[in-house]
Amino acid sequence: MKTSEQDFVPVAFFSNEIEAELAEATLAAAGIESFLKDEGTGGMLPPLQQTEGVALLVHRDKLAEAQTVLITPATESPD
């Protein structure tokens, strides 16, 4: 089955690209594919990101898992 853009839903919105990229990296570390959608600015106008936001999208089948990963506080792993 082919994946379409409609299969991806926002899991979170961020006021800037840096925060969004950190969340994207957190999901990647958990094995969850995601991507950023910069609402209309294409990264060219960072001040507009605060009003438009940066959406972090995941496949709808991974939404609940991604939400859990993003709200779970980071912990240090034991040595």
N, C-alpha and C. Protein backbone atom coordinates (compact mmCIF):
# COMPACT_ATOMS: atom_id res chain seq x y z
N MET A 1 0.84 -1.17 0.00
CA MET A 1 0.00 0.00 0.00
C MET A 1 0.89 1.24 0.00
N LYS A 2 0.54 2.20 -0.81
CA LYS A 2 1.32 3.41 -0.96
C LYS A 2 0.92 4.43 0.11
N THR A 3 1.92 5.08 0.71
CA THR A 3 1.68 6.09 1.72
C THR A 3 1.48 7.44 1.04
N SER A 4 0.44 8.15 1.43
CA SER A 4 0.19 9.47 0.87
C SER A 4 0.34 10.53 1.95
N GLU A 5 0.37 11.78 1.52
CA GLU A 5 0.50 12.89 2.47
C GLU A 5 -0.65 12.90 3.46
N GLN A 6 -1.81 12.40 3.05
CA GLN A 6 -2.98 12.37 3.94
C GLN A 6 -2.80 11.38 5.08
N ASP A 7 -1.83 10.47 4.96
CA ASP A 7 -1.59 9.51 6.02
C ASP A 7 -0.80 10.10 7.18
N PHE A 8 -0.29 11.32 7.00
CA PHE A 8 0.51 11.97 8.03
C PHE A 8 -0.31 13.06 8.72
N VAL A 9 -0.19 13.09 10.05
CA VAL A 9 -0.96 14.04 10.85
C VAL A 9 -0.01 14.76 11.81
N PRO A 10 -0.38 15.98 12.21
CA PRO A 10 0.47 16.71 13.16
C PRO A 10 0.44 16.06 14.54
N VAL A 11 1.61 15.89 15.11
CA VAL A 11 1.71 15.39 16.47
C VAL A 11 2.00 16.54 17.43
N ALA A 12 2.63 17.61 16.91
CA ALA A 12 2.95 18.78 17.73
C ALA A 12 3.25 19.97 16.83
N PHE A 13 3.13 21.17 17.41
CA PHE A 13 3.49 22.41 16.73
C PHE A 13 4.51 23.14 17.58
N PHE A 14 5.46 23.78 16.93
CA PHE A 14 6.53 24.48 17.63
C PHE A 14 6.66 25.90 17.11
N SER A 15 7.15 26.77 17.97
CA SER A 15 7.28 28.18 17.59
C SER A 15 8.53 28.45 16.76
N ASN A 16 9.47 27.49 16.75
CA ASN A 16 10.66 27.68 15.92
C ASN A 16 11.20 26.34 15.43
N GLU A 17 12.01 26.41 14.41
CA GLU A 17 12.51 25.21 13.75
C GLU A 17 13.47 24.41 14.64
N ILE A 18 14.21 25.08 15.49
CA ILE A 18 15.17 24.38 16.35
C ILE A 18 14.44 23.43 17.31
N GLU A 19 13.40 23.92 17.97
CA GLU A 19 12.62 23.06 18.87
C GLU A 19 12.00 21.90 18.10
N ALA A 20 11.50 22.19 16.91
CA ALA A 20 10.88 21.16 16.09
C ALA A 20 11.89 20.09 15.68
N GLU A 21 13.10 20.50 15.34
CA GLU A 21 14.14 19.54 14.95
C GLU A 21 14.56 18.67 16.12
N LEU A 22 14.59 19.24 17.33
CA LEU A 22 14.91 18.43 18.52
C LEU A 22 13.85 17.36 18.75
N ALA A 23 12.58 17.74 18.59
CA ALA A 23 11.51 16.76 18.75
C ALA A 23 11.57 15.70 17.65
N GLU A 24 11.89 16.12 16.43
CA GLU A 24 12.03 15.18 15.32
C GLU A 24 13.15 14.18 15.61
N ALA A 25 14.26 14.65 16.16
CA ALA A 25 15.37 13.76 16.51
C ALA A 25 14.98 12.80 17.64
N THR A 26 14.18 13.27 18.57
CA THR A 26 13.69 12.42 19.67
C THR A 26 12.85 11.28 19.11
N LEU A 27 11.97 11.60 18.17
CA LEU A 27 11.15 10.56 17.55
C LEU A 27 12.01 9.59 16.75
N ALA A 28 13.00 10.10 16.03
CA ALA A 28 13.89 9.24 15.24
C ALA A 28 14.62 8.26 16.15
N ALA A 29 15.05 8.73 17.31
CA ALA A 29 15.75 7.86 18.26
C ALA A 29 14.83 6.75 18.76
N ALA A 30 13.53 7.02 18.76
CA ALA A 30 12.54 6.01 19.18
C ALA A 30 12.07 5.16 18.01
N GLY A 31 12.64 5.40 16.82
CA GLY A 31 12.28 4.60 15.65
C GLY A 31 11.00 5.04 14.96
N ILE A 32 10.60 6.29 15.19
CA ILE A 32 9.38 6.81 14.58
C ILE A 32 9.74 7.81 13.49
N GLU A 33 9.31 7.51 12.27
CA GLU A 33 9.55 8.41 11.14
C GLU A 33 8.68 9.65 11.28
N SER A 34 9.28 10.81 11.04
CA SER A 34 8.53 12.05 11.10
C SER A 34 9.16 13.06 10.16
N PHE A 35 8.44 14.14 9.91
CA PHE A 35 9.03 15.23 9.14
C PHE A 35 8.38 16.53 9.54
N LEU A 36 9.07 17.62 9.22
CA LEU A 36 8.62 18.95 9.59
C LEU A 36 7.91 19.62 8.43
N LYS A 37 6.90 20.37 8.77
CA LYS A 37 6.21 21.19 7.77
C LYS A 37 6.21 22.61 8.30
N ASP A 38 6.98 23.44 7.65
CA ASP A 38 7.09 24.84 8.03
C ASP A 38 5.94 25.58 7.36
N GLU A 39 4.98 25.98 8.12
CA GLU A 39 3.73 26.53 7.59
C GLU A 39 3.93 27.84 6.83
N GLY A 40 4.26 27.72 5.56
CA GLY A 40 4.24 28.87 4.69
C GLY A 40 5.49 29.71 4.61
N THR A 41 6.49 29.50 5.46
CA THR A 41 7.65 30.38 5.41
C THR A 41 8.85 29.71 4.78
N GLY A 42 8.85 28.40 4.69
CA GLY A 42 9.97 27.69 4.10
C GLY A 42 11.29 27.95 4.80
N GLY A 43 11.23 28.40 6.06
CA GLY A 43 12.45 28.68 6.80
C GLY A 43 13.08 30.01 6.43
N MET A 44 12.49 30.72 5.49
CA MET A 44 13.08 31.96 5.00
C MET A 44 12.79 33.15 5.93
N LEU A 45 11.71 33.08 6.67
CA LEU A 45 11.32 34.19 7.52
C LEU A 45 11.09 33.69 8.95
N PRO A 46 12.17 33.47 9.71
CA PRO A 46 12.02 32.93 11.06
C PRO A 46 11.03 33.67 11.96
N PRO A 47 10.92 35.02 11.87
CA PRO A 47 9.93 35.67 12.73
C PRO A 47 8.49 35.20 12.48
N LEU A 48 8.18 34.78 11.25
CA LEU A 48 6.84 34.30 10.96
C LEU A 48 6.57 32.93 11.55
N GLN A 49 7.63 32.18 11.88
CA GLN A 49 7.43 30.87 12.48
C GLN A 49 6.70 30.99 13.81
N GLN A 50 6.89 32.11 14.50
CA GLN A 50 6.23 32.27 15.79
C GLN A 50 4.72 32.41 15.62
N THR A 51 4.27 32.96 14.50
CA THR A 51 2.83 33.08 14.29
C THR A 51 2.26 31.89 13.53
N GLU A 52 3.00 31.39 12.58
CA GLU A 52 2.53 30.29 11.75
C GLU A 52 2.86 28.93 12.37
N GLY A 53 4.02 28.81 12.97
CA GLY A 53 4.44 27.58 13.62
C GLY A 53 5.07 26.57 12.68
N VAL A 54 5.74 25.61 13.27
CA VAL A 54 6.35 24.51 12.54
C VAL A 54 5.66 23.24 13.03
N ALA A 55 5.05 22.51 12.11
CA ALA A 55 4.33 21.29 12.47
C ALA A 55 5.25 20.08 12.36
N LEU A 56 5.17 19.20 13.32
CA LEU A 56 5.87 17.92 13.29
C LEU A 56 4.84 16.86 12.94
N LEU A 57 5.04 16.19 11.82
CA LEU A 57 4.06 15.22 11.31
C LEU A 57 4.57 13.80 11.45
N VAL A 58 3.65 12.90 11.78
CA VAL A 58 3.95 11.47 11.85
C VAL A 58 2.84 10.71 11.13
N HIS A 59 3.12 9.48 10.80
CA HIS A 59 2.10 8.62 10.20
C HIS A 59 1.00 8.42 11.23
N ARG A 60 -0.24 8.47 10.75
CA ARG A 60 -1.38 8.39 11.69
C ARG A 60 -1.35 7.11 12.54
N ASP A 61 -0.75 6.03 12.04
CA ASP A 61 -0.65 4.79 12.82
C ASP A 61 0.32 4.92 13.99
N LYS A 62 1.20 5.91 13.95
CA LYS A 62 2.21 6.11 15.00
C LYS A 62 1.89 7.29 15.90
N LEU A 63 0.73 7.91 15.72
CA LEU A 63 0.41 9.13 16.45
C LEU A 63 0.45 8.94 17.96
N ALA A 64 -0.24 7.95 18.48
CA ALA A 64 -0.28 7.74 19.93
C ALA A 64 1.11 7.46 20.49
N GLU A 65 1.87 6.63 19.79
CA GLU A 65 3.23 6.31 20.24
C GLU A 65 4.10 7.56 20.23
N ALA A 66 3.99 8.37 19.19
CA ALA A 66 4.78 9.59 19.09
C ALA A 66 4.41 10.57 20.20
N GLN A 67 3.13 10.70 20.50
CA GLN A 67 2.70 11.59 21.59
C GLN A 67 3.30 11.14 22.91
N THR A 68 3.31 9.85 23.15
CA THR A 68 3.88 9.32 24.38
C THR A 68 5.38 9.62 24.46
N VAL A 69 6.09 9.40 23.37
CA VAL A 69 7.53 9.67 23.34
C VAL A 69 7.81 11.15 23.64
N LEU A 70 7.03 12.03 23.04
CA LEU A 70 7.28 13.46 23.20
C LEU A 70 6.94 13.98 24.60
N ILE A 71 6.00 13.36 25.29
CA ILE A 71 5.66 13.86 26.64
C ILE A 71 6.44 13.16 27.75
N THR A 72 7.14 12.09 27.41
CA THR A 72 7.91 11.35 28.40
C THR A 72 9.21 12.09 28.69
N PRO A 73 9.48 12.44 29.95
CA PRO A 73 10.72 13.14 30.27
C PRO A 73 11.94 12.30 29.92
N ALA A 74 12.96 12.97 29.46
CA ALA A 74 14.22 12.28 29.13
C ALA A 74 14.89 11.82 30.41
N THR A 75 15.49 10.65 30.35
CA THR A 75 16.25 10.14 31.49
C THR A 75 17.61 9.69 31.02
N GLU A 76 18.55 9.72 31.92
CA GLU A 76 19.88 9.22 31.57
C GLU A 76 19.85 7.71 31.60
N SER A 77 20.54 7.09 30.65
CA SER A 77 20.61 5.64 30.66
C SER A 77 21.73 5.19 31.60
N PRO A 78 21.49 4.10 32.30
CA PRO A 78 22.51 3.61 33.24
C PRO A 78 23.74 3.12 32.48
N ASP A 79 24.87 3.27 33.12
CA ASP A 79 26.14 2.81 32.51
C ASP A 79 26.31 1.33 32.63
